[in-house]
Structures are given as C-alpha cells and as structure tokens.
Protein backbone atom coordinates (compact mmCIF):
# COMPACT_ATOMS: atom_id res chain seq x y z
CA UNK A 1 -21.81 10.83 12.69
CA UNK A 2 -18.94 10.15 15.11
CA UNK A 3 -17.51 13.08 16.99
CA UNK A 4 -14.92 14.96 14.87
CA UNK A 5 -11.40 14.24 16.03
CA UNK A 6 -12.55 11.00 17.65
CA UNK A 7 -10.16 8.05 17.62
CA UNK A 8 -10.30 4.61 19.13
CA UNK A 9 -11.37 1.08 18.32
CA UNK A 10 -14.47 -0.40 16.72
CA UNK A 11 -15.46 -4.08 16.57
CA UNK A 12 -15.95 -5.36 13.02
CA UNK A 13 -16.59 -9.03 12.23
CA UNK A 14 -15.69 -9.83 15.83
CA UNK A 15 -12.28 -8.10 15.66
CA UNK A 16 -11.08 -4.76 16.99
CA UNK A 17 -9.99 -2.22 14.38
CA UNK A 18 -8.34 1.10 15.15
CA UNK A 19 -9.74 4.25 13.55
CA UNK A 20 -9.38 8.03 13.65
CA UNK A 21 -11.31 11.03 12.33
CA UNK A 22 -9.72 14.16 10.87
CA UNK A 23 -11.38 17.52 10.35
CA UNK A 24 -14.36 19.25 11.91
CA UNK A 25 -18.06 18.69 11.44
CA UNK A 26 -19.05 18.86 7.79
CA UNK A 27 -22.39 18.86 6.01
CA UNK A 28 -21.16 16.65 3.18
CA UNK A 29 -20.47 12.89 3.36
CA UNK A 30 -16.94 12.07 4.54
CA UNK A 31 -13.92 10.60 2.83
CA UNK A 32 -12.99 7.07 3.93
CA UNK A 33 -9.34 6.21 3.37
CA UNK A 34 -8.28 2.63 2.61
CA UNK A 35 -4.59 1.94 3.05
CA UNK A 36 -2.13 -0.15 1.07
CA UNK A 37 -1.16 -3.77 1.70
CA UNK A 38 1.42 -2.82 4.35
CA UNK A 39 -0.33 0.35 5.54
CA UNK A 40 -2.04 1.51 8.72
CA UNK A 41 -3.57 4.59 10.35
CA UNK A 42 -0.16 5.96 11.35
CA UNK A 43 1.44 5.30 7.96
CA UNK A 44 -0.83 7.89 6.34
CA UNK A 45 1.13 10.44 8.43
CA UNK A 46 -0.28 13.96 7.98
CA UNK A 47 -2.01 13.29 4.66
CA UNK A 48 -5.54 12.71 6.08
CA UNK A 49 -5.48 16.10 7.81
CA UNK A 50 -4.24 17.76 4.63
CA UNK A 51 -6.92 15.97 2.61
CA UNK A 52 -9.62 17.16 5.00
CA UNK A 53 -8.40 20.73 4.71
CA UNK A 54 -8.18 20.59 0.91
CA UNK A 55 -11.56 18.91 0.40
CA UNK A 56 -13.60 20.54 3.15
CA UNK A 57 -14.78 17.12 4.33
CA UNK A 58 -14.24 14.94 7.35
CA UNK A 59 -11.78 12.12 6.72
CA UNK A 60 -11.95 8.69 8.34
CA UNK A 61 -8.90 6.43 8.46
CA UNK A 62 -8.71 2.94 9.92
CA UNK A 63 -6.31 0.00 10.06
CA UNK A 64 -7.64 -3.18 8.54
CA UNK A 65 -7.53 -6.52 10.34
CA UNK A 66 -3.87 -7.48 10.86
CA UNK A 67 -2.56 -3.92 10.43
CA UNK A 68 -1.38 -1.21 12.81
CA UNK A 69 -2.95 -1.54 16.25
CA UNK A 70 -5.89 -3.58 14.97
CA UNK A 71 -6.33 -7.24 15.89
CA UNK A 72 -3.48 -9.39 14.50
CA UNK A 73 -3.97 -11.94 11.75
CA UNK A 74 -4.85 -15.37 13.11
CA UNK A 75 -5.19 -17.31 9.85
CA UNK A 76 -3.42 -17.09 6.46
CA UNK A 77 -4.99 -14.80 3.87
CA UNK A 78 -6.88 -16.33 0.96
CA UNK A 79 -6.93 -15.15 -2.70
CA UNK A 80 -10.31 -13.55 -1.89
CA UNK A 81 -9.03 -11.41 0.99
CA UNK A 82 -9.61 -8.13 -0.87
CA UNK A 83 -13.18 -9.15 -1.67
CA UNK A 84 -13.72 -10.10 1.98
CA UNK A 85 -12.58 -6.64 3.05
CA UNK A 86 -14.80 -4.93 0.47
CA UNK A 87 -17.93 -7.01 0.95
CA UNK A 88 -17.88 -7.82 4.67
CA UNK A 89 -15.54 -5.67 6.76
CA UNK A 90 -15.98 -2.29 5.07
CA UNK A 91 -19.81 -2.30 5.06
CA UNK A 92 -19.91 -3.23 8.75
CA UNK A 93 -17.34 -0.57 9.62
CA UNK A 94 -19.36 2.10 7.79
CA UNK A 95 -22.51 1.03 9.63
CA UNK A 96 -20.85 1.04 13.04
CA UNK A 97 -19.37 4.51 12.50
CA UNK A 98 -22.59 5.83 10.92
CA UNK A 99 -21.07 6.68 7.53
CA UNK A 100 -23.35 6.94 4.50
CA UNK A 101 -22.51 7.56 0.83
CA UNK A 102 -18.79 8.16 1.38
CA UNK A 103 -16.06 9.13 -1.03
CA UNK A 104 -13.66 6.17 -0.97
CA UNK A 105 -9.97 7.11 -1.18
CA UNK A 106 -7.90 3.95 -1.64
CA UNK A 107 -4.21 3.30 -2.19
CA UNK A 108 -2.94 0.08 -3.81
CA UNK A 109 -4.77 -2.81 -2.07
CA UNK A 110 -7.07 -0.19 -0.57
CA UNK A 111 -7.93 1.11 -4.03
CA UNK A 112 -8.84 -2.41 -5.13
CA UNK A 113 -11.09 -2.76 -2.07
CA UNK A 114 -12.77 0.56 -2.92
CA UNK A 115 -13.44 -0.55 -6.50
CA UNK A 116 -14.83 -3.93 -5.45
CA UNK A 117 -17.06 -2.28 -2.84
CA UNK A 118 -18.39 0.31 -5.31
CA UNK A 119 -19.07 -2.39 -7.91
CA UNK A 120 -20.77 -5.06 -5.87
CA UNK A 121 -22.15 -4.05 -2.48
CA UNK A 122 -25.14 -2.04 -3.68
CA UNK A 123 -24.62 0.77 -1.16
CA UNK A 124 -24.34 4.41 -2.27
CA UNK A 125 -20.79 5.60 -2.94
CA UNK A 126 -20.32 9.22 -3.94
CA UNK A 127 -17.04 8.63 -5.74
CA UNK A 128 -13.83 6.59 -5.76
CA UNK A 129 -10.30 7.97 -5.77
CA UNK A 130 -7.95 5.11 -6.64
CA UNK A 131 -4.21 5.61 -6.19
CA UNK A 132 -2.03 2.92 -7.81
CA UNK A 133 -4.93 0.45 -7.91
CA UNK A 134 -4.62 -3.24 -8.67
CA UNK A 135 -7.26 -4.65 -11.01
CA UNK A 136 -5.10 -7.54 -12.19
CA UNK A 137 -1.79 -9.18 -11.29
CA UNK A 138 1.14 -8.09 -13.47
CA UNK A 139 4.60 -9.61 -13.77
CA UNK A 140 6.05 -6.28 -12.60
CA UNK A 141 4.03 -6.52 -9.38
CA UNK A 142 5.26 -10.01 -8.61
CA UNK A 143 8.89 -9.12 -9.29
CA UNK A 144 8.72 -6.14 -6.91
CA UNK A 145 6.94 -8.15 -4.22
CA UNK A 146 9.75 -10.72 -4.40
CA UNK A 147 12.24 -7.88 -3.90
CA UNK A 148 10.21 -6.66 -0.91
CA UNK A 149 10.55 -10.14 0.57
CA UNK A 150 14.33 -10.01 0.21
CA UNK A 151 14.45 -6.58 1.81
CA UNK A 152 12.34 -7.76 4.73
CA UNK A 153 14.68 -10.68 5.35
CA UNK A 154 17.98 -8.85 4.94
CA UNK A 155 17.29 -5.10 4.83
CA UNK A 156 15.64 -2.49 7.04
CA UNK A 157 12.03 -3.00 5.92
CA UNK A 158 11.06 -4.89 9.07
CA UNK A 159 12.48 -2.19 11.32
CA UNK A 160 10.60 0.56 9.47
CA UNK A 161 7.31 -1.34 9.50
CA UNK A 162 7.65 -2.27 13.18
CA UNK A 163 7.16 1.39 14.08
CA UNK A 164 3.61 1.21 12.71
CA UNK A 165 2.41 -2.36 13.36
CA UNK A 166 2.12 -4.31 16.59
CA UNK A 167 2.30 -7.66 14.78
CA UNK A 168 4.75 -6.81 12.04
CA UNK A 169 5.72 -10.36 11.01
CA UNK A 170 2.12 -11.49 10.74
CA UNK A 171 1.31 -8.41 8.69
CA UNK A 172 4.20 -8.74 6.24
CA UNK A 173 3.96 -12.48 5.60
CA UNK A 174 0.18 -12.31 5.39
CA UNK A 175 0.56 -9.84 2.51
CA UNK A 176 3.69 -11.21 0.85
CA UNK A 177 2.78 -14.90 0.95
CA UNK A 178 -0.63 -14.49 -0.69
CA UNK A 179 0.63 -12.20 -3.45
CA UNK A 180 3.36 -14.70 -4.32
CA UNK A 181 1.02 -17.71 -4.14
CA UNK A 182 0.29 -19.48 -7.42
CA UNK A 183 -3.44 -19.31 -6.65
CA UNK A 184 -3.32 -15.51 -6.64
CA UNK A 185 -1.83 -15.10 -10.12
CA UNK A 186 -5.28 -15.31 -11.72
CA UNK A 187 -6.81 -12.68 -9.41
CA UNK A 188 -8.59 -10.09 -11.57
CA UNK A 189 -11.50 -7.69 -10.98
CA UNK A 190 -11.88 -6.28 -14.51
CA UNK A 191 -15.23 -8.04 -14.95
CA UNK A 192 -16.63 -6.12 -11.97
CA UNK A 193 -15.63 -2.65 -13.15
CA UNK A 194 -18.60 -1.99 -15.53
CA UNK A 195 -20.91 -2.29 -12.52
CA UNK A 196 -19.46 0.86 -10.90
CA UNK A 197 -21.94 3.72 -11.19
CA UNK A 198 -20.07 6.49 -9.37
CA UNK A 199 -17.32 8.73 -10.82
CA UNK A 200 -13.71 7.61 -10.42
CA UNK A 201 -10.41 9.47 -10.24
CA UNK A 202 -7.61 7.00 -10.97
CA UNK A 203 -4.02 8.10 -10.29
CA UNK A 204 -0.86 6.24 -11.27
CA UNK A 205 2.82 7.10 -10.95
CA UNK A 206 4.78 6.61 -14.15
CA UNK A 207 7.63 5.10 -12.11
CA UNK A 208 5.39 2.77 -10.08
CA UNK A 209 7.35 -0.36 -9.30
CA UNK A 210 4.20 -2.37 -8.53
CA UNK A 211 2.01 -1.65 -11.55
CA UNK A 212 1.80 -0.10 -15.01
CA UNK A 213 -0.58 2.41 -16.57
CA UNK A 214 -2.63 -0.54 -17.79
CA UNK A 215 -4.11 -0.75 -14.29
CA UNK A 216 -5.86 2.63 -14.50
CA UNK A 217 -6.45 2.50 -18.25
CA UNK A 218 -8.43 -0.70 -17.81
CA UNK A 219 -10.66 1.15 -15.34
CA UNK A 220 -11.27 3.93 -17.85
CA UNK A 221 -12.22 1.42 -20.54
CA UNK A 222 -14.93 -0.02 -18.29
CA UNK A 223 -16.20 3.01 -16.36
CA UNK A 224 -17.05 6.00 -18.59
CA UNK A 225 -17.01 8.50 -15.70
CA UNK A 226 -13.32 7.96 -15.01
CA UNK A 227 -10.68 10.66 -14.88
CA UNK A 228 -7.07 9.54 -15.29
CA UNK A 229 -4.02 11.23 -13.82
CA UNK A 230 -0.52 9.93 -14.62
CA UNK A 231 2.24 11.56 -12.56
CA UNK A 232 5.90 11.89 -13.48
CA UNK A 233 8.52 11.53 -10.78
CA UNK A 234 6.12 9.28 -8.91
CA UNK A 235 6.37 5.67 -7.77
CA UNK A 236 3.81 3.51 -5.96
CA UNK A 237 2.70 6.11 -3.40
CA UNK A 238 1.43 9.22 -5.23
CA UNK A 239 0.25 10.84 -1.97
CA UNK A 240 3.85 10.75 -0.71
CA UNK A 241 5.76 11.38 -3.94
CA UNK A 242 3.43 14.05 -5.40
CA UNK A 243 1.17 15.16 -2.52
CA UNK A 244 0.35 18.61 -3.93
CA UNK A 245 -0.75 17.17 -7.27
CA UNK A 246 -2.85 14.49 -5.58
CA UNK A 247 -4.50 16.97 -3.20
CA UNK A 248 -5.29 19.38 -6.05
CA UNK A 249 -6.77 16.68 -8.28
CA UNK A 250 -8.70 15.15 -5.40
CA UNK A 251 -10.19 18.46 -4.25
CA UNK A 252 -11.19 19.30 -7.83
CA UNK A 253 -12.73 15.85 -8.30
CA UNK A 254 -14.71 16.01 -5.06
CA UNK A 255 -15.86 19.51 -5.90
CA UNK A 256 -17.41 18.13 -9.08
CA UNK A 257 -19.44 15.59 -7.08
CA UNK A 258 -21.76 18.27 -5.74
C-alpha cells in the first residue's frame, strides 16, 4: 500500500496522472474516488478527508487523463471513453498503487466508470457508491450540457474551472463535445448492470439538473443488492449539497460490507 498522505504522479497507459491519499494506515481496503466529467483531485476539496474520517478507511483520489494536473488530452474523446477509463486506465492505476478490492466512490461520469468496472473487469470490488450516476443519456442531461456550453462561452465557468485544471479548454471541450455528439445519444450501460456482484449505494438529488431518478432506479432493477437514497434540496453534486447525509449513508453502507 502507498504511504498514507502520499501525493504525486503515477504513469498509467503512458500518461502521468496526479493522485493523493487521505487518512492514515488502515487494515481494510481503501476507498477510490472517481470524479465527475469536469472534476479533479482539487475539486473534491475537503470531502476525501471527511470521508476517510467517517469511514475509517484510507481514501485515494486521482485526476483522470485530461483533468487537473494530469496529462492534457491529445485526441478527441470517443463515445467509449467511459469504458476505456473503466477497463484500461482504472485497473492499471490500481495495480500501480497496489490497491486491491476497493470500495469505488464515483460521482456522475465517475459513478458510471465505477459501475462499468464492477460489471466487466472481473477484479474484486468490495462495493460501489454511485452519486448521480449516468447509465443512459436523458434529454434533461443534454439540455443542461448545452447550457453548460453557453456558460463556458459567455459566463464565469471557464474562470472557475481554470483554478483546478492546467488545460481547461481541452478538458471542457473534450467533455462537452462528446456528450453533445449524435453518436453518444445511444450510450447506455443498462445491459451491463446485472453482472455487478457487489453491493451498491446509489444516491440521487431530486433537483439534479443532469439526470432523473430513473438513473438510480434502473440500477436497483438490475442489481438486487442496491440501496437507493434520494435527497431533497440536492442537485447534481450530493457530496456538496448534502455532505452530512452522504457521509452518514456512506459510512453506514461501508460498515455493512464487513
């Protein structure tokens, strides 16, 4: 296991990715956090440390290719970019940082990556915590992503993101362009969900501007060991809008894993 509190860079698929550990040495497998489509190590803010304290586990965070201080995107994303992260990048990262049987904690795109990984890679996963996951593309998602594009061009979104990403334009257009591409409209991972063997905690904000309750309800229909949590007064980022509720539910869920 990497030294607690360690932070730096690791080479995955020939690219440098930034990472950081939170919490002291623990006997139990760690939590690996997978950020949203515009996220990074720094955009988690103090939540990883709070999650480590609440769960009693080490927490690993990292910035995917094209995010934060990791290597910038060099080619456009494809409709399979979430599968590529789940099937290629994440397994290699876990091997290089000596992580076995983790609890995967994913938000938005990161939750989709966690679900794909748990369903298809064949490696042990202790559990999945999915915040505002995408298992299919909804009209609501596309409408909000179009609004995000307008805000990036004329609002303050670029300025806010630039504080967290070294290649902010490459990051934003890499995410926005593929989600608005016609080829991505048919993206759907519902057929993979019955293959997930580990327990799942799926959390959705009732005011989420990027997805409806159908996203987590479809998980529950396919994976019997799924707990659902719908939060009022909560949009697309439950860990920011309702951090206490998320920490409580997450700690309780992980406690049930043994």
